[in-house]
Protein backbone atom coordinates (compact mmCIF):
# COMPACT_ATOMS: atom_id res chain seq x y z
CA UNK A 1 0.05 -0.06 -0.05
CA UNK A 2 1.71 3.09 -1.12
CA UNK A 3 1.56 6.27 1.33
CA UNK A 4 -0.68 9.32 0.40
CA UNK A 5 1.38 12.25 -1.49
CA UNK A 6 0.02 15.22 0.80
CA UNK A 7 0.50 13.25 3.81
CA UNK A 8 4.26 12.46 2.89
CA UNK A 9 4.75 16.39 2.36
CA UNK A 10 2.79 17.28 5.28
CA UNK A 11 5.13 14.95 7.58
CA UNK A 12 8.00 16.53 5.20
CA UNK A 13 7.19 20.09 6.17
CA UNK A 14 6.50 19.02 10.18
CA UNK A 15 9.46 17.15 10.54
CA UNK A 16 11.61 20.43 9.25
CA UNK A 17 9.65 22.76 11.49
CA UNK A 18 10.45 20.18 14.51
CA UNK A 19 14.11 20.39 13.96
CA UNK A 20 14.21 24.21 13.67
CA UNK A 21 12.28 24.28 17.23
CA UNK A 22 14.55 21.90 18.35
CA UNK A 23 17.67 23.89 17.54
CA UNK A 24 16.15 26.90 18.74
CA UNK A 25 15.89 25.51 22.57
CA UNK A 26 18.75 27.84 24.50
CA UNK A 27 21.72 25.33 25.48
CA UNK A 28 20.88 25.44 28.93
CA UNK A 29 17.23 24.51 28.57
CA UNK A 30 18.04 20.96 26.97
CA UNK A 31 17.53 18.58 29.34
CA UNK A 32 20.30 15.75 30.27
CA UNK A 33 19.73 12.40 29.29
CA UNK A 34 19.95 10.10 32.56
CA UNK A 35 22.37 7.84 30.33
CA UNK A 36 25.36 8.34 28.20
CA UNK A 37 24.34 8.26 24.23
CA UNK A 38 26.11 9.69 21.27
CA UNK A 39 25.52 13.41 20.38
CA UNK A 40 26.77 12.30 16.57
CA UNK A 41 24.41 9.53 16.18
CA UNK A 42 21.48 11.33 17.12
CA UNK A 43 22.26 13.57 14.38
CA UNK A 44 23.20 11.17 12.21
CA UNK A 45 19.49 9.60 12.95
CA UNK A 46 17.70 12.56 12.82
CA UNK A 47 19.30 13.57 9.24
CA UNK A 48 18.68 9.62 7.75
CA UNK A 49 14.70 9.88 8.54
CA UNK A 50 14.65 13.73 7.08
CA UNK A 51 16.56 12.67 4.16
CA UNK A 52 13.95 9.76 4.01
CA UNK A 53 10.82 11.74 3.94
CA UNK A 54 12.50 14.12 1.53
CA UNK A 55 12.76 11.19 -0.57
CA UNK A 56 9.52 10.24 -0.83
CA UNK A 57 7.87 13.62 -0.47
CA UNK A 58 10.00 14.37 -4.23
CA UNK A 59 9.08 10.14 -5.54
CA UNK A 60 5.06 11.47 -4.96
CA UNK A 61 5.43 15.00 -5.93
CA UNK A 62 4.18 15.37 -9.97
CA UNK A 63 4.88 18.80 -10.91
CA UNK A 64 8.66 18.32 -11.49
CA UNK A 65 9.71 14.97 -13.90
CA UNK A 66 13.29 16.26 -13.13
CA UNK A 67 12.80 16.37 -8.89
CA UNK A 68 10.73 13.03 -9.32
CA UNK A 69 13.67 10.91 -11.71
CA UNK A 70 16.16 11.99 -9.40
CA UNK A 71 14.45 11.77 -6.27
CA UNK A 72 17.81 10.31 -4.59
CA UNK A 73 20.05 13.01 -5.55
CA UNK A 74 18.25 16.04 -4.96
CA UNK A 75 16.53 14.79 -1.97
CA UNK A 76 20.64 14.12 -0.08
CA UNK A 77 21.35 17.71 -1.19
CA UNK A 78 17.97 19.48 0.18
CA UNK A 79 18.83 17.61 3.62
CA UNK A 80 22.66 18.59 3.48
CA UNK A 81 21.91 22.12 2.48
CA UNK A 82 18.99 22.10 5.41
CA UNK A 83 21.46 20.65 8.10
CA UNK A 84 24.10 23.80 6.81
CA UNK A 85 21.32 26.56 7.30
CA UNK A 86 20.37 24.24 10.86
CA UNK A 87 24.14 24.80 12.18
CA UNK A 88 24.29 28.01 11.05
CA UNK A 89 20.92 28.90 12.69
CA UNK A 90 22.13 27.61 16.52
CA UNK A 91 24.84 30.76 15.98
CA UNK A 92 22.34 32.97 16.57
CA UNK A 93 20.59 30.58 19.92
CA UNK A 94 22.36 31.49 23.51
CA UNK A 95 24.50 28.24 24.72
CA UNK A 96 24.58 26.68 21.37
CA UNK A 97 26.92 26.74 18.57
CA UNK A 98 27.96 25.85 14.78
CA UNK A 99 29.94 22.86 14.41
CA UNK A 100 31.27 21.56 11.03
CA UNK A 101 31.10 17.82 13.09
CA UNK A 102 27.85 18.00 13.48
CA UNK A 103 27.18 18.75 9.43
CA UNK A 104 29.43 15.62 9.15
CA UNK A 105 27.22 13.55 10.96
CA UNK A 106 24.09 14.44 9.30
CA UNK A 107 25.62 13.86 6.25
CA UNK A 108 26.55 10.87 7.54
CA UNK A 109 23.06 9.74 7.83
CA UNK A 110 21.77 11.26 4.83
CA UNK A 111 24.44 8.77 3.24
CA UNK A 112 23.05 5.50 4.89
CA UNK A 113 20.01 6.85 3.69
CA UNK A 114 21.15 6.66 0.18
CA UNK A 115 22.44 3.41 0.88
CA UNK A 116 19.14 2.31 2.31
CA UNK A 117 17.16 2.92 -0.39
CA UNK A 118 19.27 1.73 -3.18
CA UNK A 119 19.57 -1.67 -1.64
CA UNK A 120 15.50 -1.26 -1.29
CA UNK A 121 15.09 -0.52 -4.69
CA UNK A 122 17.65 -3.66 -5.74
CA UNK A 123 15.30 -5.47 -4.07
CA UNK A 124 18.42 -6.80 -1.40
CA UNK A 125 17.36 -8.64 1.75
CA UNK A 126 16.03 -7.27 4.87
CA UNK A 127 18.73 -8.99 6.96
CA UNK A 128 21.28 -7.10 4.96
CA UNK A 129 19.80 -3.81 5.41
CA UNK A 130 19.54 -4.48 9.40
CA UNK A 131 23.28 -5.26 9.19
CA UNK A 132 24.17 -1.78 7.47
CA UNK A 133 22.22 0.20 10.03
CA UNK A 134 23.39 -1.61 13.19
CA UNK A 135 27.10 -1.14 11.84
CA UNK A 136 26.07 2.52 11.07
CA UNK A 137 24.70 2.75 14.23
CA UNK A 138 27.90 1.55 16.12
CA UNK A 139 29.90 3.09 14.01
CA UNK A 140 28.87 6.65 15.13
CA UNK A 141 28.83 6.02 18.82
CA UNK A 142 32.16 4.44 18.49
CA UNK A 143 33.97 7.19 16.12
CA UNK A 144 31.99 10.11 18.65
CA UNK A 145 33.45 8.31 22.05
CA UNK A 146 36.76 8.27 20.45
CA UNK A 147 36.92 11.10 19.59
CA UNK A 148 36.07 12.48 22.49
CA UNK A 149 39.37 11.08 23.81
CA UNK A 150 41.32 12.73 21.47
CA UNK A 151 39.84 16.33 22.54
CA UNK A 152 38.79 17.26 18.40
CA UNK A 153 35.59 18.25 19.74
CA UNK A 154 35.11 20.08 22.41
CA UNK A 155 32.19 19.53 24.68
CA UNK A 156 31.36 22.46 27.00
CA UNK A 157 28.01 23.93 28.43
CA UNK A 158 27.42 27.09 30.43
CA UNK A 159 25.67 25.80 33.56
CA UNK A 160 24.95 29.22 35.55
CA UNK A 161 24.78 32.39 34.43
CA UNK A 162 24.12 35.71 36.52
CA UNK A 163 24.83 39.69 36.81
CA UNK A 164 24.28 42.11 39.46
CA UNK A 165 24.90 46.29 39.93
CA UNK A 166 26.68 47.12 42.66
CA UNK A 167 25.80 49.88 43.85
CA UNK A 168 27.50 50.16 47.21
CA UNK A 169 28.95 53.78 47.72
CA UNK A 170 32.71 54.07 46.44
CA UNK A 171 34.75 57.21 46.97
CA UNK A 172 35.13 58.77 43.39
CA UNK A 173 33.74 56.27 41.59
CA UNK A 174 31.70 56.88 38.06
CA UNK A 175 28.92 55.07 37.06
CA UNK A 176 27.51 51.55 38.26
CA UNK A 177 30.05 48.93 38.50
CA UNK A 178 28.71 45.61 37.24
CA UNK A 179 29.19 42.06 38.86
CA UNK A 180 28.91 38.84 37.03
CA UNK A 181 29.40 34.85 37.88
CA UNK A 182 29.46 32.29 34.82
CA UNK A 183 29.72 28.83 35.42
CA UNK A 184 31.52 26.76 32.43
CA UNK A 185 31.24 22.86 32.87
CA UNK A 186 33.39 20.75 30.49
CA UNK A 187 32.15 17.54 28.84
CA UNK A 188 35.40 15.73 28.95
CA UNK A 189 36.89 16.31 32.85
CA UNK A 190 39.96 15.99 31.25
CA UNK A 191 39.31 18.99 29.14
CA UNK A 192 42.11 22.19 30.00
CA UNK A 193 39.52 25.17 28.93
CA UNK A 194 41.26 28.18 28.03
CA UNK A 195 38.91 31.40 27.65
CA UNK A 196 40.14 33.50 24.38
CA UNK A 197 37.84 35.77 24.21
CA UNK A 198 34.90 37.84 26.53
CA UNK A 199 32.66 39.77 25.18
CA UNK A 200 29.50 41.82 26.72
CA UNK A 201 26.79 43.15 25.19
CA UNK A 202 24.46 45.46 26.99
CA UNK A 203 20.64 45.46 25.59
CA UNK A 204 20.97 44.26 22.28
CA UNK A 205 23.68 46.88 21.45
CA UNK A 206 26.88 45.40 20.18
CA UNK A 207 29.44 43.02 21.90
CA UNK A 208 32.12 44.58 23.34
CA UNK A 209 35.30 42.82 24.43
CA UNK A 210 36.45 43.47 27.96
CA UNK A 211 38.76 41.88 30.33
CA UNK A 212 38.14 39.03 32.96
CA UNK A 213 39.79 36.77 35.42
CA UNK A 214 39.16 33.08 35.26
CA UNK A 215 38.96 30.94 38.59
CA UNK A 216 38.58 26.72 39.00
CA UNK A 217 36.10 25.44 41.07
CA UNK A 218 34.17 22.09 41.96
CA UNK A 219 30.54 21.80 41.83
CA UNK A 220 27.92 20.64 44.18
CA UNK A 221 28.67 16.76 42.40
CA UNK A 222 32.53 16.85 42.90
CA UNK A 223 33.11 17.76 39.22
CA UNK A 224 35.81 20.44 37.77
CA UNK A 225 33.98 23.85 37.09
CA UNK A 226 35.60 27.21 35.38
CA UNK A 227 34.19 30.17 36.66
CA UNK A 228 34.41 33.44 34.82
CA UNK A 229 34.24 36.52 37.04
CA UNK A 230 34.57 40.62 36.50
CA UNK A 231 38.08 41.43 36.41
CA UNK A 232 39.02 43.80 39.42
CA UNK A 233 39.19 47.33 39.39
CA UNK A 234 37.39 47.33 35.59
CA UNK A 235 34.06 49.40 34.93
CA UNK A 236 32.49 47.81 31.79
CA UNK A 237 30.28 50.37 31.50
CA UNK A 238 30.34 54.02 32.63
CA UNK A 239 26.75 54.86 32.70
CA UNK A 240 23.89 54.06 34.58
CA UNK A 241 21.72 50.85 33.80
CA UNK A 242 18.10 51.76 33.27
CA UNK A 243 15.20 49.85 34.80
CA UNK A 244 14.52 47.41 32.07
CA UNK A 245 17.82 46.84 30.68
CA UNK A 246 19.70 43.29 30.00
CA UNK A 247 22.80 41.99 29.87
CA UNK A 248 24.46 38.99 27.41
CA UNK A 249 27.79 37.79 27.21
CA UNK A 250 29.95 35.85 24.75
CA UNK A 251 32.85 33.57 25.02
CA UNK A 252 35.18 31.30 23.36
CA UNK A 253 36.54 28.91 24.58
CA UNK A 254 39.47 25.96 23.51
CA UNK A 255 41.42 23.25 24.91
CA UNK A 256 44.86 24.38 23.24
CA UNK A 257 44.56 21.64 21.21
CA UNK A 258 42.69 23.26 18.43
CA UNK A 259 38.75 22.71 19.26
CA UNK A 260 37.25 25.59 20.06
CA UNK A 261 33.45 26.62 21.00
CA UNK A 262 31.63 29.82 20.86
CA UNK A 263 28.97 30.13 23.37
CA UNK A 264 26.43 33.16 24.40
CA UNK A 265 24.63 33.03 27.22
CA UNK A 266 20.50 33.93 27.54
CA UNK A 267 20.02 37.97 28.49
CA UNK A 268 20.10 38.61 31.78
CA UNK A 269 18.18 41.01 34.25
CA UNK A 270 20.92 42.15 36.26
CA UNK A 271 19.78 42.42 40.04
CA UNK A 272 20.77 45.47 42.61
CA UNK A 273 23.29 44.95 45.30
CA UNK A 274 23.55 47.37 47.99
């Protein structure tokens, strides 16, 4: 029994929207999974499904003979381009980042989807397809774990970000002093994190690079975290914050081995300290 074309088209549009919504969730709001599971494997499976939806949508449409006859190629191309746009989109989402390794995982899922379609068209046995699927999932998970050991991929999250304005009276002081604390947790506890650049934006203004200080600490569960705080005697802004103003921080981190990641916090309304 063949699928109704409109049903396939609707499923494709809904799935594209679902990926966009998932990529729009700020990093600190993503629920933590209670067991170890490969991030790259998730990417590969998501884009394997996307490729299959694109393929059947193009195959069942009747407006373009070229798209229908070359559904395999165009489905792969459209899926890969959507993967690129999704990574770029995450540059503008707080505490998310654009990673070429994630796109490689997307493409791996797309290629495996193309292989499944070719085997199905050639009427290869289901055990062959099942075996390839298991091998594909195992290789994605294994390669992600081994790359973590080599520190090829930098995995970090912002665990906490708070900000305040210091209104304590100080002799010969001008303007409101800004204070903040940003707690960064490395995904791999063996990583040595380096904050290469620190920028601050005030109420949607341009980001300005500022001085900062670093200290290492242990979280409540005993794991290592990195804490970014304001540099001593440094005034980030000279004029007083208004009631509804916000501040946003952007950090570029590396592990000293070539891997880098940029994190952006959510907009924070500073609280007052007297």
